Amino acid sequence: QVQLVESGGGLVQPGGSLRLSCAASGFFLDYYAIGWFRQAPGKEREGVSCIYNNDGQTYYADSVKGRFSISKDKSKNTVYLQVNSLKPEDTGVYYCAAVHDALSVQAMCVGLRVVDTITWGNGTLVTVSS
């Protein structure tokens, strides 16, 4: 069974940093693309970043380019999202997402879109406030 567990969220001041983790079980990262999405109160879930399963190519939303960095540790079957220079508008629940088939990988990674085939984690809350 494919499962994702996020951790690492918390309360941080503007300009601060966090490292979010997404621990995968029931599958290997070699076969799934992993994305990070976030959802602020009253807003739709939006794509933040994604990493391909095969070549490790990465994608970022314009709003986080230069501040966020996605990576994976295959030995730990875990994907990380390093979030730096945080702003109040980065506040939200951060979810990791996994997809396997080629069309879904294209949509989720290149388009940073929500697709029906996504397996979601339960999320971790990031609050940026002074």
Foldseek 3Di string as FASTA:
>chain_A
DWAWAKDWADEAAQQAKIKMKIQIPPDFLLQKKKWKWWDDPPGDIFTAKIFDNHPRDMDGDPVQPPFWDWDDDRVRSMIMIIGGSDDQVVWGWMKMWIDGDPVVCCCCHVVVDDDPRIDIHPTDTHGYHD
